[in-house]
Amino acid sequence: MTDRKKDHIDLAFSSRTVATDADSRFHYEPMLAAHHDGQFEKFDFAGKTMKLPIWVSSMTGGTQRAGTINRNLATACGEFGMGMGLGSCRSLLDDDTHFTDFDVRQYMGDSAPLYANLGIAQIEKLIATGTENKAEALVHKLQADGLIVHVNPLQEAFQPEGDVLKVPPIDTIEAFLSKTNLRIIVKEVGQGMGPASLQRLLALPVEAIEFGALGGTNFSKLELSRVTGDKSSHFDAFGKIGHTAAEMTDFVNDIVEKNTTNCQQLIISGGITNVPDGWYLTHQSKLKSVFGMGSTFLKHAMDEYHTLQSFVEQLRKALGIAQNFMRPIH
């Protein structure tokens, strides 16, 4: 105790806050609950069961390092009851060379949701060639619960080897839904979506919409960083185009108030790097929501599993603190 009191004296001045630092999104209520016991009620989401309202957003695949990352992430999702979206599985449509990098159901268990992932360009091509069954075969082979379709027109436009979309993505998704019984999640990849796009998507029977909002990993900026020469300067400003997770939550709430929607679930992702941000937006949402984190998990999943495990333990503790002592102000 003497050491603790000495620490308090030594750190008192460096630990000062000022009133302007207060997070005005919450009422802090210290009187109404004991400390959280670490146990969370299970809830249904994306066709399976989750314990923590956290989705490990799609990231990577196709290299030896990616295989380690995906196995670690899947193990954590199984242990802690989180959902997971795989990185793009495009390479598996015609070639099983990298299949083991994505084959993670055995590490995750069967309770939590696991989704495969293909780009809108691949879905467009499958429809054009009448081979939609390839997507279904991929999902079944991975023992996944459905398919994420990532919509990335800006990324494709800036990618030197990018695909050219010949059909508006919403038309491709509508056509695909008419040809498959798979559970489908639609996501952006770092720019988010505006209200008109969200309204069209919410009207469709998709399992969920993942925001992929501006503020997290932006794959358009990533592709621009791969471009050399003067031409990249013409496109740099496009990396700032898009919508934040907070904006998109407001868009969806407004749409839901005024329209009948078929989609009833959201994954609020893009720039969510801490529990208070995710906790607040999921409680602001009028639809059932979890929050997604991608790169935040990535840096902890590259090494031994215990590094990631410790990180998720802290996330769980933070969620317990938020649940018991923080009341979002609507």
C-alpha atoms as a PDB file:
ATOM      1  CA  MET A   1       0.000   0.000   0.000  1.00  0.00           C
ATOM      2  CA  THR A   2       2.922   2.320   0.719  1.00  0.00           C
ATOM      3  CA  ASP A   3       4.126   1.921  -2.883  1.00  0.00           C
ATOM      4  CA  ARG A   4       0.641   2.641  -4.192  1.00  0.00           C
ATOM      5  CA  LYS A   5       0.367   5.825  -2.136  1.00  0.00           C
ATOM      6  CA  LYS A   6       3.806   6.919  -3.333  1.00  0.00           C
ATOM      7  CA  ASP A   7       2.661   6.367  -6.940  1.00  0.00           C
ATOM      8  CA  HIS A   8      -0.389   8.523  -6.249  1.00  0.00           C
ATOM      9  CA  ILE A   9       1.807  11.393  -5.073  1.00  0.00           C
ATOM     10  CA  ASP A  10       4.278  11.037  -7.943  1.00  0.00           C
ATOM     11  CA  LEU A  11       1.574  10.825 -10.613  1.00  0.00           C
ATOM     12  CA  ALA A  12      -0.994  13.252  -9.236  1.00  0.00           C
ATOM     13  CA  PHE A  13       0.024  16.234 -11.330  1.00  0.00           C
ATOM     14  CA  SER A  14       0.552  14.308 -14.574  1.00  0.00           C
ATOM     15  CA  SER A  15      -2.903  12.748 -14.164  1.00  0.00           C
ATOM     16  CA  ARG A  16      -4.848  15.986 -13.986  1.00  0.00           C
ATOM     17  CA  THR A  17      -7.769  16.574 -16.348  1.00  0.00           C
ATOM     18  CA  VAL A  18      -9.676  19.727 -17.187  1.00  0.00           C
ATOM     19  CA  ALA A  19     -13.410  20.206 -17.491  1.00  0.00           C
ATOM     20  CA  THR A  20     -13.205  20.705 -21.235  1.00  0.00           C
ATOM     21  CA  ASP A  21     -11.921  17.108 -21.551  1.00  0.00           C
ATOM     22  CA  ALA A  22     -15.235  15.692 -20.292  1.00  0.00           C
ATOM     23  CA  ASP A  23     -16.981  13.280 -22.656  1.00  0.00           C
ATOM     24  CA  SER A  24     -20.403  14.873 -23.024  1.00  0.00           C
ATOM     25  CA  ARG A  25     -21.949  11.797 -24.666  1.00  0.00           C
ATOM     26  CA  PHE A  26     -22.521  10.042 -21.330  1.00  0.00           C
ATOM     27  CA  HIS A  27     -23.918  10.467 -17.870  1.00  0.00           C
ATOM     28  CA  TYR A  28     -21.476   8.879 -15.448  1.00  0.00           C
ATOM     29  CA  GLU A  29     -23.508   7.035 -12.797  1.00  0.00           C
ATOM     30  CA  PRO A  30     -21.230   5.646 -10.061  1.00  0.00           C
ATOM     31  CA  MET A  31     -24.004   4.882  -7.560  1.00  0.00           C
ATOM     32  CA  LEU A  32     -26.163   2.371  -9.389  1.00  0.00           C
ATOM     33  CA  ALA A  33     -24.103  -0.778  -9.905  1.00  0.00           C
ATOM     34  CA  ALA A  34     -21.273  -2.877  -8.523  1.00  0.00           C
ATOM     35  CA  HIS A  35     -18.264  -3.745 -10.637  1.00  0.00           C
ATOM     36  CA  HIS A  36     -19.085  -5.935 -13.611  1.00  0.00           C
ATOM     37  CA  ASP A  37     -18.453  -9.648 -13.131  1.00  0.00           C
ATOM     38  CA  GLY A  38     -17.163 -10.173 -16.674  1.00  0.00           C
ATOM     39  CA  GLN A  39     -20.182 -12.162 -17.800  1.00  0.00           C
ATOM     40  CA  PHE A  40     -22.320 -10.852 -20.657  1.00  0.00           C
ATOM     41  CA  GLU A  41     -25.700 -12.078 -21.814  1.00  0.00           C
ATOM     42  CA  LYS A  42     -25.679 -13.910 -25.116  1.00  0.00           C
ATOM     43  CA  PHE A  43     -27.589 -12.362 -28.003  1.00  0.00           C
ATOM     44  CA  ASP A  44     -28.449 -13.396 -31.533  1.00  0.00           C
ATOM     45  CA  PHE A  45     -26.693 -11.644 -34.379  1.00  0.00           C
ATOM     46  CA  ALA A  46     -26.044 -12.489 -38.034  1.00  0.00           C
ATOM     47  CA  GLY A  47     -27.507 -15.959 -37.658  1.00  0.00           C
ATOM     48  CA  LYS A  48     -25.460 -17.081 -34.650  1.00  0.00           C
ATOM     49  CA  THR A  49     -24.825 -16.124 -31.025  1.00  0.00           C
ATOM     50  CA  MET A  50     -22.477 -13.464 -29.650  1.00  0.00           C
ATOM     51  CA  LYS A  51     -21.434 -12.483 -26.135  1.00  0.00           C
ATOM     52  CA  LEU A  52     -19.533  -9.254 -26.739  1.00  0.00           C
ATOM     53  CA  PRO A  53     -21.003  -6.635 -29.123  1.00  0.00           C
ATOM     54  CA  ILE A  54     -17.760  -6.554 -31.099  1.00  0.00           C
ATOM     55  CA  TRP A  55     -17.197  -7.588 -34.709  1.00  0.00           C
ATOM     56  CA  VAL A  56     -13.696  -8.324 -35.958  1.00  0.00           C
ATOM     57  CA  SER A  57     -13.900  -6.603 -39.320  1.00  0.00           C
ATOM     58  CA  SER A  58     -12.519  -8.088 -42.534  1.00  0.00           C
ATOM     59  CA  MET A  59      -8.829  -7.566 -43.084  1.00  0.00           C
ATOM     60  CA  THR A  60      -6.481  -9.937 -44.802  1.00  0.00           C
ATOM     61  CA  GLY A  61      -5.727 -13.294 -46.406  1.00  0.00           C
ATOM     62  CA  GLY A  62      -3.503 -15.027 -48.905  1.00  0.00           C
ATOM     63  CA  THR A  63      -0.097 -14.943 -47.198  1.00  0.00           C
ATOM     64  CA  GLN A  64       1.564 -17.050 -44.502  1.00  0.00           C
ATOM     65  CA  ARG A  65       1.381 -14.136 -42.073  1.00  0.00           C
ATOM     66  CA  ALA A  66      -2.324 -13.684 -42.822  1.00  0.00           C
ATOM     67  CA  GLY A  67      -2.966 -17.309 -41.919  1.00  0.00           C
ATOM     68  CA  THR A  68      -1.520 -16.764 -38.444  1.00  0.00           C
ATOM     69  CA  ILE A  69      -3.519 -13.564 -38.025  1.00  0.00           C
ATOM     70  CA  ASN A  70      -6.800 -15.189 -39.064  1.00  0.00           C
ATOM     71  CA  ARG A  71      -6.284 -18.196 -36.805  1.00  0.00           C
ATOM     72  CA  ASN A  72      -5.533 -15.964 -33.819  1.00  0.00           C
ATOM     73  CA  LEU A  73      -8.566 -13.772 -34.518  1.00  0.00           C
ATOM     74  CA  ALA A  74     -10.853 -16.785 -34.954  1.00  0.00           C
ATOM     75  CA  THR A  75      -9.620 -18.292 -31.693  1.00  0.00           C
ATOM     76  CA  ALA A  76     -10.354 -15.041 -29.865  1.00  0.00           C
ATOM     77  CA  CYS A  77     -13.811 -14.798 -31.423  1.00  0.00           C
ATOM     78  CA  GLY A  78     -14.600 -18.307 -30.247  1.00  0.00           C
ATOM     79  CA  GLU A  79     -13.275 -17.728 -26.745  1.00  0.00           C
ATOM     80  CA  PHE A  80     -14.942 -14.362 -26.165  1.00  0.00           C
ATOM     81  CA  GLY A  81     -18.072 -14.655 -28.336  1.00  0.00           C
ATOM     82  CA  MET A  82     -17.346 -12.082 -31.034  1.00  0.00           C
ATOM     83  CA  GLY A  83     -18.291 -12.121 -34.731  1.00  0.00           C
ATOM     84  CA  MET A  84     -15.741 -12.217 -37.539  1.00  0.00           C
ATOM     85  CA  GLY A  85     -15.557 -11.300 -41.194  1.00  0.00           C
ATOM     86  CA  LEU A  86     -12.745 -12.854 -43.212  1.00  0.00           C
ATOM     87  CA  GLY A  87     -10.625 -10.797 -45.578  1.00  0.00           C
ATOM     88  CA  SER A  88     -11.328 -11.029 -49.292  1.00  0.00           C
ATOM     89  CA  CYS A  89     -11.672 -14.676 -50.331  1.00  0.00           C
ATOM     90  CA  ARG A  90     -11.387 -13.898 -54.039  1.00  0.00           C
ATOM     91  CA  SER A  91      -8.303 -16.085 -54.435  1.00  0.00           C
ATOM     92  CA  LEU A  92     -10.319 -19.132 -53.341  1.00  0.00           C
ATOM     93  CA  LEU A  93     -12.918 -18.948 -56.098  1.00  0.00           C
ATOM     94  CA  ASP A  94     -10.742 -20.920 -58.515  1.00  0.00           C
ATOM     95  CA  ASP A  95      -7.676 -21.951 -56.524  1.00  0.00           C
ATOM     96  CA  ASP A  96      -7.242 -23.579 -53.096  1.00  0.00           C
ATOM     97  CA  THR A  97      -3.577 -22.605 -52.676  1.00  0.00           C
ATOM     98  CA  HIS A  98      -4.359 -20.233 -49.795  1.00  0.00           C
ATOM     99  CA  PHE A  99      -7.387 -22.074 -48.436  1.00  0.00           C
ATOM    100  CA  THR A 100      -5.778 -22.867 -45.089  1.00  0.00           C
ATOM    101  CA  ASP A 101      -5.311 -19.132 -44.436  1.00  0.00           C
ATOM    102  CA  PHE A 102      -9.093 -18.757 -44.346  1.00  0.00           C
ATOM    103  CA  ASP A 103     -10.152 -22.167 -42.985  1.00  0.00           C
ATOM    104  CA  VAL A 104     -10.636 -21.052 -39.387  1.00  0.00           C
ATOM    105  CA  ARG A 105     -13.974 -22.480 -38.277  1.00  0.00           C
ATOM    106  CA  GLN A 106     -12.194 -25.183 -36.279  1.00  0.00           C
ATOM    107  CA  TYR A 107     -10.454 -22.484 -34.221  1.00  0.00           C
ATOM    108  CA  MET A 108     -13.586 -20.416 -33.759  1.00  0.00           C
ATOM    109  CA  GLY A 109     -16.109 -23.094 -32.899  1.00  0.00           C
ATOM    110  CA  ASP A 110     -19.646 -23.123 -34.218  1.00  0.00           C
ATOM    111  CA  SER A 111     -21.427 -20.684 -31.910  1.00  0.00           C
ATOM    112  CA  ALA A 112     -20.224 -17.270 -33.094  1.00  0.00           C
ATOM    113  CA  PRO A 113     -20.856 -15.852 -36.591  1.00  0.00           C
ATOM    114  CA  LEU A 114     -18.172 -16.236 -39.259  1.00  0.00           C
ATOM    115  CA  TYR A 115     -18.590 -14.668 -42.711  1.00  0.00           C
ATOM    116  CA  ALA A 116     -16.670 -15.171 -45.937  1.00  0.00           C
ATOM    117  CA  ASN A 117     -15.957 -12.124 -48.088  1.00  0.00           C
ATOM    118  CA  LEU A 118     -16.018 -11.245 -51.797  1.00  0.00           C
ATOM    119  CA  GLY A 119     -15.885  -7.907 -53.574  1.00  0.00           C
ATOM    120  CA  ILE A 120     -18.758  -6.449 -55.546  1.00  0.00           C
ATOM    121  CA  ALA A 121     -16.683  -6.825 -58.722  1.00  0.00           C
ATOM    122  CA  GLN A 122     -16.448 -10.586 -58.189  1.00  0.00           C
ATOM    123  CA  ILE A 123     -20.188 -10.859 -57.544  1.00  0.00           C
ATOM    124  CA  GLU A 124     -20.878  -8.857 -60.709  1.00  0.00           C
ATOM    125  CA  LYS A 125     -18.735 -11.279 -62.730  1.00  0.00           C
ATOM    126  CA  LEU A 126     -20.323 -14.363 -61.161  1.00  0.00           C
ATOM    127  CA  ILE A 127     -23.779 -13.088 -62.088  1.00  0.00           C
ATOM    128  CA  ALA A 128     -22.680 -12.189 -65.625  1.00  0.00           C
ATOM    129  CA  THR A 129     -21.334 -15.722 -66.150  1.00  0.00           C
ATOM    130  CA  GLY A 130     -24.150 -17.504 -64.344  1.00  0.00           C
ATOM    131  CA  THR A 131     -21.746 -18.974 -61.803  1.00  0.00           C
ATOM    132  CA  GLU A 132     -23.219 -17.598 -58.565  1.00  0.00           C
ATOM    133  CA  ASN A 133     -22.969 -21.131 -57.205  1.00  0.00           C
ATOM    134  CA  LYS A 134     -19.214 -20.543 -56.801  1.00  0.00           C
ATOM    135  CA  ALA A 135     -19.943 -18.056 -54.025  1.00  0.00           C
ATOM    136  CA  GLU A 136     -22.260 -20.517 -52.308  1.00  0.00           C
ATOM    137  CA  ALA A 137     -19.700 -23.307 -52.634  1.00  0.00           C
ATOM    138  CA  LEU A 138     -17.054 -21.037 -51.104  1.00  0.00           C
ATOM    139  CA  VAL A 139     -19.234 -20.222 -48.090  1.00  0.00           C
ATOM    140  CA  HIS A 140     -20.084 -23.878 -47.514  1.00  0.00           C
ATOM    141  CA  LYS A 141     -16.472 -25.017 -47.880  1.00  0.00           C
ATOM    142  CA  LEU A 142     -15.353 -22.479 -45.271  1.00  0.00           C
ATOM    143  CA  GLN A 143     -18.251 -23.551 -43.002  1.00  0.00           C
ATOM    144  CA  ALA A 144     -19.168 -19.876 -42.851  1.00  0.00           C
ATOM    145  CA  ASP A 145     -22.581 -18.503 -41.908  1.00  0.00           C
ATOM    146  CA  GLY A 146     -22.881 -16.213 -44.900  1.00  0.00           C
ATOM    147  CA  LEU A 147     -21.062 -13.843 -47.206  1.00  0.00           C
ATOM    148  CA  ILE A 148     -19.874 -10.272 -46.841  1.00  0.00           C
ATOM    149  CA  VAL A 149     -19.966  -8.344 -50.102  1.00  0.00           C
ATOM    150  CA  HIS A 150     -17.582  -5.413 -49.898  1.00  0.00           C
ATOM    151  CA  VAL A 151     -18.442  -2.438 -52.085  1.00  0.00           C
ATOM    152  CA  ASN A 152     -15.349  -0.463 -53.053  1.00  0.00           C
ATOM    153  CA  PRO A 153     -15.709   1.591 -56.254  1.00  0.00           C
ATOM    154  CA  LEU A 154     -13.143   4.203 -55.205  1.00  0.00           C
ATOM    155  CA  GLN A 155     -10.596   1.584 -54.224  1.00  0.00           C
ATOM    156  CA  GLU A 156     -11.052  -0.206 -57.558  1.00  0.00           C
ATOM    157  CA  ALA A 157     -10.724   3.106 -59.415  1.00  0.00           C
ATOM    158  CA  PHE A 158      -7.398   3.922 -57.740  1.00  0.00           C
ATOM    159  CA  GLN A 159      -5.974   0.413 -57.728  1.00  0.00           C
ATOM    160  CA  PRO A 160      -3.556  -0.021 -60.651  1.00  0.00           C
ATOM    161  CA  GLU A 161      -4.906  -3.524 -61.252  1.00  0.00           C
ATOM    162  CA  GLY A 162      -8.455  -2.689 -60.132  1.00  0.00           C
ATOM    163  CA  ASP A 163     -11.660  -4.054 -61.636  1.00  0.00           C
ATOM    164  CA  VAL A 164     -14.060  -1.883 -63.614  1.00  0.00           C
ATOM    165  CA  LEU A 165     -17.648  -2.025 -62.383  1.00  0.00           C
ATOM    166  CA  LYS A 166     -20.109  -2.205 -65.271  1.00  0.00           C
ATOM    167  CA  VAL A 167     -23.256  -2.287 -63.131  1.00  0.00           C
ATOM    168  CA  PRO A 168     -24.275  -0.099 -60.174  1.00  0.00           C
ATOM    169  CA  PRO A 169     -23.465  -2.086 -57.007  1.00  0.00           C
ATOM    170  CA  ILE A 170     -27.035  -1.889 -55.694  1.00  0.00           C
ATOM    171  CA  ASP A 171     -28.298  -3.591 -58.881  1.00  0.00           C
ATOM    172  CA  THR A 172     -25.692  -6.321 -58.513  1.00  0.00           C
ATOM    173  CA  ILE A 173     -26.675  -6.922 -54.891  1.00  0.00           C
ATOM    174  CA  GLU A 174     -30.380  -7.057 -55.785  1.00  0.00           C
ATOM    175  CA  ALA A 175     -29.652  -9.571 -58.548  1.00  0.00           C
ATOM    176  CA  PHE A 176     -27.479 -11.685 -56.258  1.00  0.00           C
ATOM    177  CA  LEU A 177     -30.117 -11.752 -53.526  1.00  0.00           C
ATOM    178  CA  SER A 178     -32.628 -13.062 -56.051  1.00  0.00           C
ATOM    179  CA  LYS A 179     -30.298 -15.957 -56.909  1.00  0.00           C
ATOM    180  CA  THR A 180     -29.024 -17.068 -53.494  1.00  0.00           C
ATOM    181  CA  ASN A 181     -30.269 -18.087 -50.081  1.00  0.00           C
ATOM    182  CA  LEU A 182     -27.029 -17.054 -48.397  1.00  0.00           C
ATOM    183  CA  ARG A 183     -27.082 -14.555 -45.556  1.00  0.00           C
ATOM    184  CA  ILE A 184     -25.519 -11.413 -47.047  1.00  0.00           C
ATOM    185  CA  ILE A 185     -23.747  -8.559 -45.254  1.00  0.00           C
ATOM    186  CA  VAL A 186     -22.856  -5.498 -47.343  1.00  0.00           C
ATOM    187  CA  LYS A 187     -19.959  -3.261 -46.305  1.00  0.00           C
ATOM    188  CA  GLU A 188     -17.867  -0.366 -47.560  1.00  0.00           C
ATOM    189  CA  VAL A 189     -14.104  -0.370 -47.105  1.00  0.00           C
ATOM    190  CA  GLY A 190     -13.235   2.929 -45.479  1.00  0.00           C
ATOM    191  CA  GLN A 191     -15.331   5.690 -47.071  1.00  0.00           C
ATOM    192  CA  GLY A 192     -18.725   4.795 -45.598  1.00  0.00           C
ATOM    193  CA  MET A 193     -22.002   5.463 -47.433  1.00  0.00           C
ATOM    194  CA  GLY A 194     -24.365   8.366 -47.866  1.00  0.00           C
ATOM    195  CA  PRO A 195     -28.100   8.374 -47.051  1.00  0.00           C
ATOM    196  CA  ALA A 196     -29.322   7.479 -50.561  1.00  0.00           C
ATOM    197  CA  SER A 197     -27.131   4.367 -50.701  1.00  0.00           C
ATOM    198  CA  LEU A 198     -28.134   3.364 -47.177  1.00  0.00           C
ATOM    199  CA  GLN A 199     -31.826   3.796 -47.936  1.00  0.00           C
ATOM    200  CA  ARG A 200     -31.584   1.487 -50.950  1.00  0.00           C
ATOM    201  CA  LEU A 201     -29.654  -1.112 -48.952  1.00  0.00           C
ATOM    202  CA  LEU A 202     -31.929  -0.992 -45.922  1.00  0.00           C
ATOM    203  CA  ALA A 203     -34.887  -1.806 -48.176  1.00  0.00           C
ATOM    204  CA  LEU A 204     -33.258  -5.099 -49.200  1.00  0.00           C
ATOM    205  CA  PRO A 205     -33.356  -8.366 -47.225  1.00  0.00           C
ATOM    206  CA  VAL A 206     -29.664  -8.268 -46.339  1.00  0.00           C
ATOM    207  CA  GLU A 207     -28.580  -9.737 -43.027  1.00  0.00           C
ATOM    208  CA  ALA A 208     -26.704  -6.598 -41.974  1.00  0.00           C
ATOM    209  CA  ILE A 209     -24.936  -3.502 -43.227  1.00  0.00           C
ATOM    210  CA  GLU A 210     -21.377  -2.875 -42.099  1.00  0.00           C
ATOM    211  CA  PHE A 211     -20.456   0.789 -42.306  1.00  0.00           C
ATOM    212  CA  GLY A 212     -16.722   0.659 -43.105  1.00  0.00           C
ATOM    213  CA  ALA A 213     -16.909   4.371 -42.400  1.00  0.00           C
ATOM    214  CA  LEU A 214     -14.408   7.151 -42.945  1.00  0.00           C
ATOM    215  CA  GLY A 215     -11.940   7.294 -40.091  1.00  0.00           C
ATOM    216  CA  GLY A 216     -10.567   3.763 -40.030  1.00  0.00           C
ATOM    217  CA  THR A 217      -8.387   1.937 -42.536  1.00  0.00           C
ATOM    218  CA  ASN A 218      -9.166   3.542 -45.893  1.00  0.00           C
ATOM    219  CA  PHE A 219      -8.396   1.235 -48.791  1.00  0.00           C
ATOM    220  CA  SER A 220      -8.636   4.051 -51.310  1.00  0.00           C
ATOM    221  CA  LYS A 221      -5.783   5.814 -49.512  1.00  0.00           C
ATOM    222  CA  LEU A 222      -3.982   2.494 -49.237  1.00  0.00           C
ATOM    223  CA  GLU A 223      -4.152   2.022 -53.004  1.00  0.00           C
ATOM    224  CA  LEU A 224      -3.087   5.615 -53.622  1.00  0.00           C
ATOM    225  CA  SER A 225       0.009   4.970 -51.538  1.00  0.00           C
ATOM    226  CA  ARG A 226       0.917   2.203 -53.980  1.00  0.00           C
ATOM    227  CA  VAL A 227       0.742   4.551 -56.954  1.00  0.00           C
ATOM    228  CA  THR A 228       3.966   6.266 -57.964  1.00  0.00           C
ATOM    229  CA  GLY A 229       4.442   9.327 -60.126  1.00  0.00           C
ATOM    230  CA  ASP A 230       2.451  12.511 -60.634  1.00  0.00           C
ATOM    231  CA  LYS A 231      -0.881  10.815 -61.292  1.00  0.00           C
ATOM    232  CA  SER A 232      -1.401  10.025 -57.606  1.00  0.00           C
ATOM    233  CA  SER A 233      -1.629  13.758 -56.801  1.00  0.00           C
ATOM    234  CA  HIS A 234      -4.797  14.061 -58.891  1.00  0.00           C
ATOM    235  CA  PHE A 235      -6.602  11.632 -56.587  1.00  0.00           C
ATOM    236  CA  ASP A 236      -5.240  12.395 -53.113  1.00  0.00           C
ATOM    237  CA  ALA A 237      -8.233  14.512 -52.081  1.00  0.00           C
ATOM    238  CA  PHE A 238     -10.593  11.587 -52.679  1.00  0.00           C
ATOM    239  CA  GLY A 239      -9.200   9.939 -49.552  1.00  0.00           C
ATOM    240  CA  LYS A 240     -11.152  12.525 -47.553  1.00  0.00           C
ATOM    241  CA  ILE A 241     -14.484  11.782 -49.252  1.00  0.00           C
ATOM    242  CA  GLY A 242     -17.016   9.787 -47.277  1.00  0.00           C
ATOM    243  CA  HIS A 243     -18.993   9.639 -44.054  1.00  0.00           C
ATOM    244  CA  THR A 244     -18.063   8.899 -40.444  1.00  0.00           C
ATOM    245  CA  ALA A 245     -19.673   6.201 -38.329  1.00  0.00           C
ATOM    246  CA  ALA A 246     -21.514   8.854 -36.310  1.00  0.00           C
ATOM    247  CA  GLU A 247     -22.914  10.443 -39.475  1.00  0.00           C
ATOM    248  CA  MET A 248     -24.008   7.075 -40.827  1.00  0.00           C
ATOM    249  CA  THR A 249     -25.726   6.156 -37.570  1.00  0.00           C
ATOM    250  CA  ASP A 250     -27.736   9.360 -37.852  1.00  0.00           C
ATOM    251  CA  PHE A 251     -28.520   8.619 -41.518  1.00  0.00           C
ATOM    252  CA  VAL A 252     -29.824   5.148 -40.661  1.00  0.00           C
ATOM    253  CA  ASN A 253     -31.891   6.386 -37.717  1.00  0.00           C
ATOM    254  CA  ASP A 254     -33.537   8.984 -39.926  1.00  0.00           C
ATOM    255  CA  ILE A 255     -34.275   6.402 -42.636  1.00  0.00           C
ATOM    256  CA  VAL A 256     -35.700   3.915 -40.139  1.00  0.00           C
ATOM    257  CA  GLU A 257     -38.023   6.564 -38.682  1.00  0.00           C
ATOM    258  CA  LYS A 258     -39.485   7.359 -42.104  1.00  0.00           C
ATOM    259  CA  ASN A 259     -39.376   4.050 -43.983  1.00  0.00           C
ATOM    260  CA  THR A 260     -40.063   0.356 -43.639  1.00  0.00           C
ATOM    261  CA  THR A 261     -36.747  -1.484 -43.734  1.00  0.00           C
ATOM    262  CA  ASN A 262     -35.940  -5.129 -44.379  1.00  0.00           C
ATOM    263  CA  CYS A 263     -32.418  -4.995 -42.992  1.00  0.00           C
ATOM    264  CA  GLN A 264     -32.532  -4.904 -39.191  1.00  0.00           C
ATOM    265  CA  GLN A 265     -28.890  -5.205 -38.115  1.00  0.00           C
ATOM    266  CA  LEU A 266     -25.803  -2.978 -38.290  1.00  0.00           C
ATOM    267  CA  ILE A 267     -22.086  -3.393 -37.786  1.00  0.00           C
ATOM    268  CA  ILE A 268     -20.900   0.101 -36.904  1.00  0.00           C
ATOM    269  CA  SER A 269     -17.275   0.211 -38.040  1.00  0.00           C
ATOM    270  CA  GLY A 270     -14.732   2.687 -39.342  1.00  0.00           C
ATOM    271  CA  GLY A 271     -12.669   4.721 -36.909  1.00  0.00           C
ATOM    272  CA  ILE A 272     -13.932   2.819 -33.850  1.00  0.00           C
ATOM    273  CA  THR A 273     -10.769   2.313 -31.791  1.00  0.00           C
ATOM    274  CA  ASN A 274     -12.112   2.278 -28.226  1.00  0.00           C
ATOM    275  CA  VAL A 275     -15.077   1.001 -26.243  1.00  0.00           C
ATOM    276  CA  PRO A 276     -16.761   4.363 -25.420  1.00  0.00           C
ATOM    277  CA  ASP A 277     -17.043   5.221 -29.139  1.00  0.00           C
ATOM    278  CA  GLY A 278     -18.525   1.858 -30.034  1.00  0.00           C
ATOM    279  CA  TRP A 279     -20.707   1.695 -26.936  1.00  0.00           C
ATOM    280  CA  TYR A 280     -22.185   5.105 -27.636  1.00  0.00           C
ATOM    281  CA  LEU A 281     -23.025   4.531 -31.307  1.00  0.00           C
ATOM    282  CA  THR A 282     -24.550   1.085 -30.784  1.00  0.00           C
ATOM    283  CA  HIS A 283     -26.832   2.608 -28.168  1.00  0.00           C
ATOM    284  CA  GLN A 284     -27.700   5.530 -30.424  1.00  0.00           C
ATOM    285  CA  SER A 285     -28.700   3.151 -33.207  1.00  0.00           C
ATOM    286  CA  LYS A 286     -32.381   2.349 -33.715  1.00  0.00           C
ATOM    287  CA  LEU A 287     -31.407  -1.016 -35.218  1.00  0.00           C
ATOM    288  CA  LYS A 288     -29.745  -3.916 -33.446  1.00  0.00           C
ATOM    289  CA  SER A 289     -26.048  -3.057 -33.629  1.00  0.00           C
ATOM    290  CA  VAL A 290     -22.568  -4.231 -32.756  1.00  0.00           C
ATOM    291  CA  PHE A 291     -19.395  -2.286 -33.392  1.00  0.00           C
ATOM    292  CA  GLY A 292     -16.585  -3.365 -35.648  1.00  0.00           C
ATOM    293  CA  MET A 293     -12.860  -3.019 -35.126  1.00  0.00           C
ATOM    294  CA  GLY A 294     -10.296  -4.063 -37.712  1.00  0.00           C
ATOM    295  CA  SER A 295      -6.821  -2.556 -37.541  1.00  0.00           C
ATOM    296  CA  THR A 296      -7.058  -2.285 -33.749  1.00  0.00           C
ATOM    297  CA  PHE A 297      -7.187  -6.077 -33.611  1.00  0.00           C
ATOM    298  CA  LEU A 298      -4.677  -6.553 -36.397  1.00  0.00           C
ATOM    299  CA  LYS A 299      -1.664  -5.213 -34.536  1.00  0.00           C
ATOM    300  CA  HIS A 300      -2.360  -7.553 -31.607  1.00  0.00           C
ATOM    301  CA  ALA A 301      -2.958 -10.648 -33.754  1.00  0.00           C
ATOM    302  CA  MET A 302       0.409 -10.836 -35.504  1.00  0.00           C
ATOM    303  CA  ASP A 303       2.328 -12.591 -32.750  1.00  0.00           C
ATOM    304  CA  GLU A 304       1.538 -15.200 -30.102  1.00  0.00           C
ATOM    305  CA  TYR A 305      -2.121 -15.727 -29.255  1.00  0.00           C
ATOM    306  CA  HIS A 306      -1.726 -14.615 -25.642  1.00  0.00           C
ATOM    307  CA  THR A 307      -0.982 -11.061 -26.860  1.00  0.00           C
ATOM    308  CA  LEU A 308      -4.361 -10.882 -28.582  1.00  0.00           C
ATOM    309  CA  GLN A 309      -6.074 -12.704 -25.722  1.00  0.00           C
ATOM    310  CA  SER A 310      -4.824 -10.126 -23.215  1.00  0.00           C
ATOM    311  CA  PHE A 311      -6.025  -7.295 -25.471  1.00  0.00           C
ATOM    312  CA  VAL A 312      -9.540  -8.754 -25.729  1.00  0.00           C
ATOM    313  CA  GLU A 313      -9.626  -9.335 -21.966  1.00  0.00           C
ATOM    314  CA  GLN A 314      -9.100  -5.598 -21.545  1.00  0.00           C
ATOM    315  CA  LEU A 315     -11.831  -4.881 -24.088  1.00  0.00           C
ATOM    316  CA  ARG A 316     -14.209  -7.090 -22.135  1.00  0.00           C
ATOM    317  CA  LYS A 317     -13.338  -5.307 -18.890  1.00  0.00           C
ATOM    318  CA  ALA A 318     -13.889  -1.932 -20.568  1.00  0.00           C
ATOM    319  CA  LEU A 319     -17.281  -3.067 -21.852  1.00  0.00           C
ATOM    320  CA  GLY A 320     -18.254  -4.092 -18.329  1.00  0.00           C
ATOM    321  CA  ILE A 321     -17.294  -0.663 -16.993  1.00  0.00           C
ATOM    322  CA  ALA A 322     -19.285   1.045 -19.748  1.00  0.00           C
ATOM    323  CA  GLN A 323     -22.320  -1.145 -19.154  1.00  0.00           C
ATOM    324  CA  ASN A 324     -22.467  -0.553 -15.414  1.00  0.00           C
ATOM    325  CA  PHE A 325     -21.449   3.073 -15.072  1.00  0.00           C
ATOM    326  CA  MET A 326     -22.018   4.950 -18.338  1.00  0.00           C
ATOM    327  CA  ARG A 327     -25.470   6.004 -19.593  1.00  0.00           C
ATOM    328  CA  PRO A 328     -25.479   7.311 -23.198  1.00  0.00           C
ATOM    329  CA  ILE A 329     -27.212  10.678 -23.542  1.00  0.00           C
ATOM    330  CA  HIS A 330     -29.622  10.537 -26.484  1.00  0.00           C
END
